[in-house]
Amino acid sequence: MNKRITFLTANNGFLKGVSRALDIGSTRNKHVYNFSNSDLEADERALSNDWSVVGKDMWSAYDKLKQKA
C-alpha cells in the first residue's frame, strides 16, 4: 500500500510529545495541526488525497498483474 499524506493530522515526534505533556497552558497546539482556510478547502484537499492514494494503489495492482502475465 502506498504511503498516505497526513496533512490534516498532528505531526509529532517523541520530544514534541514530551514537550506537549509538560505544556500546561496549551501554547503548542496552534503549531501542531495543519489548518486549511475553510472547511470546504479541507474537504477538497482530503478528498483529492484519498483519490490520489486510490489511483496509486490501482496502478500498483495493475503493474503487479502485468508482471505475472
C-alpha atoms as a PDB file:
ATOM      1  CA  MET A   1       0.000   0.000   0.000  1.00  0.00           C
ATOM      2  CA  ASN A   2       1.231   3.499  -0.750  1.00  0.00           C
ATOM      3  CA  LYS A   3       2.304   5.985   1.859  1.00  0.00           C
ATOM      4  CA  ARG A   4      -0.550   8.284   2.773  1.00  0.00           C
ATOM      5  CA  ILE A   5      -0.302  12.026   3.124  1.00  0.00           C
ATOM      6  CA  THR A   6      -1.332  13.180   6.578  1.00  0.00           C
ATOM      7  CA  PHE A   7      -1.751  16.916   6.101  1.00  0.00           C
ATOM      8  CA  LEU A   8      -4.770  17.158   8.407  1.00  0.00           C
ATOM      9  CA  THR A   9      -3.271  15.300  11.361  1.00  0.00           C
ATOM     10  CA  ALA A  10      -0.785  16.144  14.081  1.00  0.00           C
ATOM     11  CA  ASN A  11       2.865  15.612  13.206  1.00  0.00           C
ATOM     12  CA  ASN A  12       4.513  14.726  16.500  1.00  0.00           C
ATOM     13  CA  GLY A  13       7.751  13.045  17.385  1.00  0.00           C
ATOM     14  CA  PHE A  14       8.829  11.761  20.779  1.00  0.00           C
ATOM     15  CA  LEU A  15      10.351  15.035  22.015  1.00  0.00           C
ATOM     16  CA  LYS A  16       7.408  17.060  20.755  1.00  0.00           C
ATOM     17  CA  GLY A  17       5.087  14.689  22.626  1.00  0.00           C
ATOM     18  CA  VAL A  18       7.056  15.097  25.853  1.00  0.00           C
ATOM     19  CA  SER A  19       7.063  18.883  25.499  1.00  0.00           C
ATOM     20  CA  ARG A  20       3.286  18.865  24.878  1.00  0.00           C
ATOM     21  CA  ALA A  21       2.774  16.809  28.029  1.00  0.00           C
ATOM     22  CA  LEU A  22       4.624  19.493  30.011  1.00  0.00           C
ATOM     23  CA  ASP A  23       2.850  22.387  28.243  1.00  0.00           C
ATOM     24  CA  ILE A  24       0.238  23.253  30.858  1.00  0.00           C
ATOM     25  CA  GLY A  25      -1.010  26.386  29.059  1.00  0.00           C
ATOM     26  CA  SER A  26      -1.520  24.507  25.770  1.00  0.00           C
ATOM     27  CA  THR A  27       0.592  27.024  23.868  1.00  0.00           C
ATOM     28  CA  ARG A  28       1.915  24.458  21.375  1.00  0.00           C
ATOM     29  CA  ASN A  29      -1.488  23.423  19.944  1.00  0.00           C
ATOM     30  CA  LYS A  30      -1.630  26.100  17.253  1.00  0.00           C
ATOM     31  CA  HIS A  31       1.601  24.832  15.622  1.00  0.00           C
ATOM     32  CA  VAL A  32       0.824  21.110  15.684  1.00  0.00           C
ATOM     33  CA  TYR A  33      -2.038  20.755  13.216  1.00  0.00           C
ATOM     34  CA  ASN A  34      -2.054  21.778   9.584  1.00  0.00           C
ATOM     35  CA  PHE A  35      -5.048  24.051   9.100  1.00  0.00           C
ATOM     36  CA  SER A  36      -6.960  24.913   5.952  1.00  0.00           C
ATOM     37  CA  ASN A  37      -8.542  28.293   5.286  1.00  0.00           C
ATOM     38  CA  SER A  38     -12.070  26.824   5.255  1.00  0.00           C
ATOM     39  CA  ASP A  39     -13.966  23.601   5.810  1.00  0.00           C
ATOM     40  CA  LEU A  40     -14.539  23.325   2.074  1.00  0.00           C
ATOM     41  CA  GLU A  41     -10.819  23.625   1.351  1.00  0.00           C
ATOM     42  CA  ALA A  42     -10.008  20.954   3.951  1.00  0.00           C
ATOM     43  CA  ASP A  43     -12.638  18.628   2.456  1.00  0.00           C
ATOM     44  CA  GLU A  44     -11.345  19.215  -1.078  1.00  0.00           C
ATOM     45  CA  ARG A  45      -7.760  18.535  -0.041  1.00  0.00           C
ATOM     46  CA  ALA A  46      -8.724  15.393   1.863  1.00  0.00           C
ATOM     47  CA  LEU A  47     -10.899  14.056  -0.968  1.00  0.00           C
ATOM     48  CA  SER A  48      -8.198  14.785  -3.544  1.00  0.00           C
ATOM     49  CA  ASN A  49      -5.637  12.986  -1.390  1.00  0.00           C
ATOM     50  CA  ASP A  50      -7.949   9.992  -0.935  1.00  0.00           C
ATOM     51  CA  TRP A  51      -8.464   9.585  -4.683  1.00  0.00           C
ATOM     52  CA  SER A  52      -4.750  10.064  -5.323  1.00  0.00           C
ATOM     53  CA  VAL A  53      -3.976   7.180  -2.973  1.00  0.00           C
ATOM     54  CA  VAL A  54      -6.682   5.026  -4.599  1.00  0.00           C
ATOM     55  CA  GLY A  55      -5.241   5.767  -8.032  1.00  0.00           C
ATOM     56  CA  LYS A  56      -1.707   4.894  -6.929  1.00  0.00           C
ATOM     57  CA  ASP A  57      -2.939   1.634  -5.409  1.00  0.00           C
ATOM     58  CA  MET A  58      -4.756   0.755  -8.633  1.00  0.00           C
ATOM     59  CA  TRP A  59      -1.657   1.452 -10.768  1.00  0.00           C
ATOM     60  CA  SER A  60       0.423  -0.635  -8.379  1.00  0.00           C
ATOM     61  CA  ALA A  61      -2.024  -3.541  -8.658  1.00  0.00           C
ATOM     62  CA  TYR A  62      -2.089  -3.170 -12.462  1.00  0.00           C
ATOM     63  CA  ASP A  63       1.717  -3.255 -12.639  1.00  0.00           C
ATOM     64  CA  LYS A  64       1.834  -6.394 -10.473  1.00  0.00           C
ATOM     65  CA  LEU A  65      -0.784  -8.031 -12.684  1.00  0.00           C
ATOM     66  CA  LYS A  66       1.205  -7.173 -15.825  1.00  0.00           C
ATOM     67  CA  GLN A  67       4.350  -8.716 -14.321  1.00  0.00           C
ATOM     68  CA  LYS A  68       2.523 -12.012 -13.673  1.00  0.00           C
ATOM     69  CA  ALA A  69       1.216 -12.215 -17.268  1.00  0.00           C
END
